[in-house]
Amino acid sequence: MKEETLEHVYQENLEERIIAHLAEQCDISYEKAMDIYYNSKLSDKIYIGKEGIQYLDYKVLVQILFETEQELFD
C-alpha cells in the first residue's frame, strides 16, 4: 500500500473514533457529533495535517475540541 493510501485510511479511522467519542461524552446522537466535528476548525487542521495534530490520540483531540471550540456545543 502506498503511504498516501495508508494516511487516508488512518485519517478516516481517526475521524470515526473522534465522532464516536464525542457522541458518547456529550450524550448526543452520532449525527449531531458528526455535525459538530465537521463544522469545527479542528477537522480542518486534521484534514490538512497541520502541525502533526492528526497523530494525537482521539480522546485528546476531543478534549481539545471541547476547550477551543466551546461555541459548537452551545
C-alpha atoms as a PDB file:
ATOM      1  CA  MET A   1       0.000   0.000   0.000  1.00  0.00           C
ATOM      2  CA  LYS A   2       1.198   3.478  -0.769  1.00  0.00           C
ATOM      3  CA  GLU A   3       1.944   5.866   2.093  1.00  0.00           C
ATOM      4  CA  GLU A   4      -0.775   8.252   0.872  1.00  0.00           C
ATOM      5  CA  THR A   5      -3.364   5.470   0.985  1.00  0.00           C
ATOM      6  CA  LEU A   6      -2.334   4.454   4.489  1.00  0.00           C
ATOM      7  CA  GLU A   7      -2.540   8.065   5.663  1.00  0.00           C
ATOM      8  CA  HIS A   8      -6.042   8.374   4.214  1.00  0.00           C
ATOM      9  CA  VAL A   9      -7.242   5.190   5.938  1.00  0.00           C
ATOM     10  CA  TYR A  10      -5.673   6.325   9.218  1.00  0.00           C
ATOM     11  CA  GLN A  11      -7.434   9.697   8.957  1.00  0.00           C
ATOM     12  CA  GLU A  12     -10.824   8.093   8.258  1.00  0.00           C
ATOM     13  CA  ASN A  13     -10.441   5.810  11.269  1.00  0.00           C
ATOM     14  CA  LEU A  14      -9.357   8.727  13.443  1.00  0.00           C
ATOM     15  CA  GLU A  15     -12.395  10.769  12.436  1.00  0.00           C
ATOM     16  CA  GLU A  16     -14.710   7.837  13.196  1.00  0.00           C
ATOM     17  CA  ARG A  17     -13.162   7.450  16.665  1.00  0.00           C
ATOM     18  CA  ILE A  18     -13.392  11.193  17.355  1.00  0.00           C
ATOM     19  CA  ILE A  19     -17.060  11.324  16.349  1.00  0.00           C
ATOM     20  CA  ALA A  20     -17.991   8.221  18.356  1.00  0.00           C
ATOM     21  CA  HIS A  21     -16.169   9.505  21.447  1.00  0.00           C
ATOM     22  CA  LEU A  22     -17.735  12.951  21.059  1.00  0.00           C
ATOM     23  CA  ALA A  23     -21.228  11.409  20.846  1.00  0.00           C
ATOM     24  CA  GLU A  24     -20.542   9.322  23.942  1.00  0.00           C
ATOM     25  CA  GLN A  25     -19.030  12.157  26.001  1.00  0.00           C
ATOM     26  CA  CYS A  26     -21.801  14.642  25.160  1.00  0.00           C
ATOM     27  CA  ASP A  27     -24.616  12.073  25.181  1.00  0.00           C
ATOM     28  CA  ILE A  28     -25.697  13.161  21.707  1.00  0.00           C
ATOM     29  CA  SER A  29     -26.529  11.316  18.520  1.00  0.00           C
ATOM     30  CA  TYR A  30     -23.795  10.198  16.168  1.00  0.00           C
ATOM     31  CA  GLU A  31     -25.258  12.517  13.535  1.00  0.00           C
ATOM     32  CA  LYS A  32     -25.065  15.550  15.864  1.00  0.00           C
ATOM     33  CA  ALA A  33     -21.478  14.624  16.761  1.00  0.00           C
ATOM     34  CA  MET A  34     -20.635  14.443  13.050  1.00  0.00           C
ATOM     35  CA  ASP A  35     -22.151  17.873  12.512  1.00  0.00           C
ATOM     36  CA  ILE A  36     -20.114  19.353  15.371  1.00  0.00           C
ATOM     37  CA  TYR A  37     -16.889  17.717  14.251  1.00  0.00           C
ATOM     38  CA  TYR A  38     -17.149  18.586  10.555  1.00  0.00           C
ATOM     39  CA  ASN A  39     -18.034  22.211  11.388  1.00  0.00           C
ATOM     40  CA  SER A  40     -15.001  22.585  13.629  1.00  0.00           C
ATOM     41  CA  LYS A  41     -11.657  24.169  12.907  1.00  0.00           C
ATOM     42  CA  LEU A  42     -10.108  21.027  14.363  1.00  0.00           C
ATOM     43  CA  SER A  43     -11.438  18.898  11.499  1.00  0.00           C
ATOM     44  CA  ASP A  44      -9.761  21.247   9.029  1.00  0.00           C
ATOM     45  CA  LYS A  45      -6.456  21.026  10.903  1.00  0.00           C
ATOM     46  CA  ILE A  46      -6.645  17.240  10.936  1.00  0.00           C
ATOM     47  CA  TYR A  47      -7.535  17.139   7.232  1.00  0.00           C
ATOM     48  CA  ILE A  48      -4.524  19.218   6.198  1.00  0.00           C
ATOM     49  CA  GLY A  49      -2.248  17.656   8.800  1.00  0.00           C
ATOM     50  CA  LYS A  50      -1.387  20.953  10.431  1.00  0.00           C
ATOM     51  CA  GLU A  51       1.448  20.590  12.957  1.00  0.00           C
ATOM     52  CA  GLY A  52       1.016  16.811  13.059  1.00  0.00           C
ATOM     53  CA  ILE A  53      -2.203  17.184  15.060  1.00  0.00           C
ATOM     54  CA  GLN A  54      -3.654  14.141  13.295  1.00  0.00           C
ATOM     55  CA  TYR A  55      -1.277  11.907  15.234  1.00  0.00           C
ATOM     56  CA  LEU A  56      -2.669  12.802  18.655  1.00  0.00           C
ATOM     57  CA  ASP A  57      -4.939  10.362  20.456  1.00  0.00           C
ATOM     58  CA  TYR A  58      -8.622  10.755  19.570  1.00  0.00           C
ATOM     59  CA  LYS A  59      -9.549  11.366  23.220  1.00  0.00           C
ATOM     60  CA  VAL A  60      -7.029  14.202  23.408  1.00  0.00           C
ATOM     61  CA  LEU A  61      -8.424  15.647  20.187  1.00  0.00           C
ATOM     62  CA  VAL A  62     -11.971  15.608  21.595  1.00  0.00           C
ATOM     63  CA  GLN A  63     -10.700  17.378  24.718  1.00  0.00           C
ATOM     64  CA  ILE A  64      -9.009  19.995  22.523  1.00  0.00           C
ATOM     65  CA  LEU A  65     -12.293  20.441  20.671  1.00  0.00           C
ATOM     66  CA  PHE A  66     -14.150  20.984  23.973  1.00  0.00           C
ATOM     67  CA  GLU A  67     -11.589  23.516  25.154  1.00  0.00           C
ATOM     68  CA  THR A  68     -11.038  25.509  21.974  1.00  0.00           C
ATOM     69  CA  GLU A  69     -14.404  25.472  20.223  1.00  0.00           C
ATOM     70  CA  GLN A  70     -16.960  25.614  23.021  1.00  0.00           C
ATOM     71  CA  GLU A  71     -19.342  27.617  20.830  1.00  0.00           C
ATOM     72  CA  LEU A  72     -20.057  24.467  18.824  1.00  0.00           C
ATOM     73  CA  PHE A  73     -21.657  22.917  21.920  1.00  0.00           C
ATOM     74  CA  ASP A  74     -23.966  25.779  22.880  1.00  0.00           C
END
